[in-house]
Amino acid sequence: MGGRFKNADNVIAATDAQGVSKIRFTPVSAFETPEAVDRLTSAFIDAIQSEKYDPLLLIPIFILDLLCIHPFIDGNGRMSRLLTLLLLYRSGYIVGKYISLEMLIEKTKETYYDVLQASSQGWHDAHNTYFPFVKYYLEIILGAYKEFSMRVELMLNRGLSKPDRIRALFDTTLQKLSKKTISEKFPDISTSTIELALASLLKEGYIIKVGAGKSTSYIMNTEQEVK
C-alpha cells in the first residue's frame, strides 16, 4: 500500500535473455526495514549538517543505501529518483527542473543496473564500494548540466541564420555530430540545408568529417581554431 513500508520480504531479481529469472540482491527484511530507514535518514542528516562532505557525494550514497534496504513492495526506483531530485534541490542543484534526470537514467538503464549491482555487493557486511554508483550519478548530473547549457546556447542563437546556428552548435561541443543529431537539435532546418551547411564548414576547414556511410559524423577542427 502506498506510503507504507513493505510487510513482506522482497528480492531484487533480473531476467536474462533466455527468460531465466535470477536474484541480484536480497534487501533488508521487512521486520528490520523501519529501523534501517530511521538509521539511514539520521546518518544522512547528520552528515549533511556537519558540512564535512559534499552533498553531491552524500546524495548518491544515501540513494544506494535506500535501494539496498528496498523499503517498499513496489516503486523503490521511482521513489529513489524523486528523492534524488528533492535532495539536489535542497542542496542548490536545480538542473532537474529543466532536464529530466529520470530520462537520462532511462537512456542508460543497463549501466544503472550494472553499477547498482557492483556497489551493492557486500553491502550487508559493509564491504561494498560506493564508487561505481556515485560515479554514475555524478555523470548523470553532469550530463544534465551539459544538456541544459546546450539548450540555453541554442535559445540565444535563435536569431542567427540556419547555417550559423549549425556552426554555433559545433562551438558548444567537442563531441561528434551526425546529420541525424543536428536534425534532432534543429527540427525546423531541412536536411538539404544541413547538408549545405556541413559542406560549407568542411570546405572552410571549420569541421572535420569522421567515418563513412551511415556512420558519418562531424567534429570541430580544433587545430583550425588555434590558428
Protein backbone atom coordinates (compact mmCIF):
# COMPACT_ATOMS: atom_id res chain seq x y z
CA MET A 1 0.00 0.00 0.00
CA GLY A 2 1.25 3.47 -0.87
CA GLY A 3 3.07 5.33 1.90
CA ARG A 4 3.77 2.20 3.95
CA PHE A 5 6.86 0.09 4.30
CA LYS A 6 6.81 -3.43 2.92
CA ASN A 7 5.07 -6.05 5.05
CA ALA A 8 6.83 -9.00 3.41
CA ASP A 9 10.42 -9.74 2.47
CA ASN A 10 11.33 -8.98 -1.14
CA VAL A 11 14.20 -9.56 -3.54
CA ILE A 12 15.70 -7.72 -6.49
CA ALA A 13 15.60 -10.06 -9.47
CA ALA A 14 16.56 -9.82 -13.14
CA THR A 15 15.51 -11.84 -16.16
CA ASP A 16 18.18 -12.76 -18.72
CA ALA A 17 17.80 -13.13 -22.49
CA GLN A 18 16.69 -16.74 -22.06
CA GLY A 19 13.87 -15.69 -19.74
CA VAL A 20 15.54 -17.10 -16.64
CA SER A 21 14.98 -15.03 -13.51
CA LYS A 22 17.89 -14.66 -11.09
CA ILE A 23 18.13 -12.92 -7.72
CA ARG A 24 20.52 -9.98 -7.97
CA PHE A 25 20.21 -8.79 -4.38
CA THR A 26 18.37 -9.66 -1.18
CA PRO A 27 17.35 -6.45 0.61
CA VAL A 28 16.78 -5.85 4.32
CA SER A 29 13.93 -7.91 5.76
CA ALA A 30 10.51 -6.35 6.26
CA PHE A 31 10.93 -6.59 10.04
CA GLU A 32 14.22 -4.66 10.01
CA THR A 33 13.15 -2.05 7.43
CA PRO A 34 11.66 0.72 9.65
CA GLU A 35 14.72 0.82 11.90
CA ALA A 36 17.09 0.64 8.92
CA VAL A 37 15.38 3.61 7.26
CA ASP A 38 15.49 5.58 10.53
CA ARG A 39 19.22 4.91 10.92
CA LEU A 40 19.89 5.84 7.30
CA THR A 41 17.98 9.14 7.38
CA SER A 42 19.52 10.14 10.73
CA ALA A 43 23.04 9.40 9.46
CA PHE A 44 22.38 11.32 6.25
CA ILE A 45 21.01 14.38 8.08
CA ASP A 46 24.00 14.37 10.46
CA ALA A 47 26.43 14.10 7.54
CA ILE A 48 24.74 16.95 5.64
CA GLN A 49 24.63 19.21 8.69
CA SER A 50 28.29 18.56 9.52
CA GLU A 51 29.24 20.06 6.13
CA LYS A 52 32.31 17.83 6.05
CA TYR A 53 31.32 16.14 2.80
CA ASP A 54 29.94 17.45 -0.47
CA PRO A 55 26.20 16.77 -0.92
CA LEU A 56 26.96 15.51 -4.44
CA LEU A 57 28.78 12.60 -2.80
CA LEU A 58 26.38 12.08 0.10
CA ILE A 59 23.21 12.02 -2.01
CA PRO A 60 24.09 9.02 -4.25
CA ILE A 61 25.45 7.16 -1.20
CA PHE A 62 22.12 7.75 0.56
CA ILE A 63 20.21 6.62 -2.54
CA LEU A 64 22.23 3.43 -2.86
CA ASP A 65 21.64 2.56 0.80
CA LEU A 66 17.92 3.22 0.36
CA LEU A 67 17.80 0.94 -2.69
CA CYS A 68 19.62 -1.77 -0.76
CA ILE A 69 17.07 -1.50 2.05
CA HIS A 70 14.32 -1.59 -0.61
CA PRO A 71 11.71 -0.36 1.87
CA PHE A 72 8.61 -0.69 -0.33
CA ILE A 73 6.93 -3.59 -2.08
CA ASP A 74 6.95 -1.61 -5.34
CA GLY A 75 8.12 1.77 -6.63
CA ASN A 76 11.53 1.83 -4.91
CA GLY A 77 13.28 3.03 -8.07
CA ARG A 78 10.77 5.82 -8.70
CA MET A 79 10.93 6.91 -5.06
CA SER A 80 14.73 6.97 -5.16
CA ARG A 81 14.70 9.25 -8.21
CA LEU A 82 12.14 11.59 -6.64
CA LEU A 83 14.28 11.79 -3.51
CA THR A 84 17.33 12.46 -5.68
CA LEU A 85 15.58 15.50 -7.19
CA LEU A 86 14.42 16.76 -3.79
CA LEU A 87 17.84 16.38 -2.17
CA LEU A 88 19.58 18.02 -5.14
CA TYR A 89 17.13 20.94 -4.98
CA ARG A 90 17.76 21.40 -1.25
CA SER A 91 21.50 21.47 -1.92
CA GLY A 92 21.16 24.11 -4.64
CA TYR A 93 21.37 21.87 -7.71
CA ILE A 94 18.15 22.62 -9.58
CA VAL A 95 19.01 21.35 -13.06
CA GLY A 96 16.38 18.63 -12.63
CA LYS A 97 13.70 21.32 -13.03
CA TYR A 98 14.76 21.77 -16.64
CA ILE A 99 16.37 18.48 -17.68
CA SER A 100 14.77 15.13 -16.83
CA LEU A 101 17.22 13.11 -14.77
CA GLU A 102 14.70 10.29 -15.00
CA MET A 103 15.07 10.31 -18.78
CA LEU A 104 18.86 10.34 -18.62
CA ILE A 105 18.79 7.33 -16.29
CA GLU A 106 16.26 5.59 -18.53
CA LYS A 107 18.58 6.04 -21.52
CA THR A 108 21.41 4.38 -19.58
CA LYS A 109 19.32 1.78 -17.74
CA GLU A 110 21.72 -1.11 -18.38
CA THR A 111 24.61 0.86 -16.91
CA TYR A 112 22.40 1.89 -13.99
CA TYR A 113 21.66 -1.73 -13.09
CA ASP A 114 25.30 -2.73 -13.58
CA VAL A 115 26.64 -0.07 -11.19
CA LEU A 116 23.82 -0.76 -8.73
CA GLN A 117 24.85 -4.40 -8.62
CA ALA A 118 28.56 -3.55 -8.41
CA SER A 119 28.05 -1.18 -5.48
CA SER A 120 25.60 -3.39 -3.59
CA GLN A 121 27.85 -6.45 -3.45
CA GLY A 122 28.93 -6.92 0.15
CA TRP A 123 26.55 -4.20 1.36
CA HIS A 124 25.09 -6.25 4.22
CA ASP A 125 28.60 -6.74 5.64
CA ALA A 126 29.68 -3.13 4.97
CA HIS A 127 32.27 -4.42 2.49
CA ASN A 128 30.77 -2.80 -0.59
CA THR A 129 32.20 0.06 -2.62
CA TYR A 130 30.04 3.07 -3.39
CA PHE A 131 32.36 4.29 -6.14
CA PRO A 132 30.61 2.81 -9.25
CA PHE A 133 27.19 4.13 -8.20
CA VAL A 134 28.47 7.56 -7.11
CA LYS A 135 30.47 7.95 -10.33
CA TYR A 136 27.40 7.05 -12.40
CA TYR A 137 25.19 9.54 -10.56
CA LEU A 138 27.74 12.32 -10.95
CA GLU A 139 27.93 11.58 -14.68
CA ILE A 140 24.12 11.82 -14.92
CA ILE A 141 24.10 15.18 -13.13
CA LEU A 142 26.98 16.48 -15.24
CA GLY A 143 25.20 15.30 -18.39
CA ALA A 144 22.07 17.18 -17.30
CA TYR A 145 24.02 20.42 -16.83
CA LYS A 146 25.70 19.98 -20.22
CA GLU A 147 22.32 19.43 -21.88
CA PHE A 148 20.90 22.49 -20.11
CA SER A 149 23.88 24.60 -21.19
CA MET A 150 23.44 23.48 -24.79
CA ARG A 151 19.73 24.32 -24.73
CA VAL A 152 20.50 27.80 -23.41
CA GLU A 153 23.06 28.30 -26.16
CA LEU A 154 20.54 27.21 -28.78
CA MET A 155 17.96 29.65 -27.44
CA LEU A 156 20.46 32.50 -27.51
CA ASN A 157 21.36 31.63 -31.10
CA ARG A 158 17.80 31.51 -32.44
CA GLY A 159 18.28 34.90 -34.08
CA LEU A 160 21.11 33.55 -36.24
CA SER A 161 20.69 32.24 -39.75
CA LYS A 162 20.22 28.48 -40.11
CA PRO A 163 23.82 27.83 -41.28
CA ASP A 164 25.16 29.97 -38.42
CA ARG A 165 23.04 28.05 -35.92
CA ILE A 166 24.66 24.84 -37.13
CA ARG A 167 28.09 26.44 -36.82
CA ALA A 168 27.22 27.57 -33.28
CA LEU A 169 26.23 24.00 -32.41
CA PHE A 170 29.77 22.83 -33.15
CA ASP A 171 31.05 25.70 -30.99
CA THR A 172 29.24 24.27 -27.96
CA THR A 173 30.60 20.73 -28.08
CA LEU A 174 33.73 18.73 -28.85
CA GLN A 175 31.66 15.62 -29.49
CA LYS A 176 30.98 14.17 -32.92
CA LEU A 177 27.69 15.23 -34.51
CA SER A 178 25.85 13.29 -37.19
CA LYS A 179 23.31 14.77 -39.60
CA LYS A 180 20.63 12.95 -37.63
CA THR A 181 21.77 14.55 -34.37
CA ILE A 182 21.80 18.00 -35.94
CA SER A 183 18.35 17.43 -37.39
CA GLU A 184 17.04 16.44 -33.95
CA LYS A 185 18.50 19.60 -32.44
CA PHE A 186 17.05 21.75 -35.22
CA PRO A 187 13.79 20.17 -36.41
CA ASP A 188 12.97 23.39 -38.30
CA ILE A 189 16.06 23.08 -40.53
CA SER A 190 15.68 20.87 -43.60
CA THR A 191 18.09 18.03 -44.39
CA SER A 192 19.24 19.79 -47.57
CA THR A 193 20.10 22.96 -45.62
CA ILE A 194 22.03 20.91 -43.06
CA GLU A 195 23.98 19.19 -45.83
CA LEU A 196 24.81 22.51 -47.49
CA ALA A 197 25.94 24.00 -44.17
CA LEU A 198 28.13 20.98 -43.41
CA ALA A 199 29.66 21.11 -46.89
CA SER A 200 30.47 24.80 -46.38
CA LEU A 201 32.01 24.19 -42.95
CA LEU A 202 34.07 21.30 -44.35
CA LYS A 203 35.35 23.43 -47.21
CA GLU A 204 36.24 26.18 -44.75
CA GLY A 205 38.10 23.67 -42.59
CA TYR A 206 35.94 24.56 -39.59
CA ILE A 207 34.87 20.93 -39.07
CA ILE A 208 36.30 17.51 -39.90
CA LYS A 209 34.43 14.55 -41.36
CA VAL A 210 34.71 11.33 -39.36
CA GLY A 211 33.67 7.88 -40.57
CA ALA A 212 31.78 6.97 -43.73
CA GLY A 213 28.34 5.88 -44.88
CA LYS A 214 25.74 5.63 -42.12
CA SER A 215 28.48 6.14 -39.53
CA THR A 216 29.47 9.54 -40.91
CA SER A 217 29.73 12.30 -38.34
CA TYR A 218 31.45 15.67 -37.97
CA ILE A 219 33.55 17.32 -35.30
CA MET A 220 35.04 20.77 -34.81
CA ASN A 221 38.54 21.17 -36.22
CA THR A 222 40.33 22.29 -33.04
CA GLU A 223 43.62 22.77 -34.89
CA GLN A 224 41.90 25.22 -37.23
CA GLU A 225 40.55 27.04 -34.20
CA VAL A 226 44.03 27.57 -32.77
CA LYS A 227 45.41 29.12 -35.96
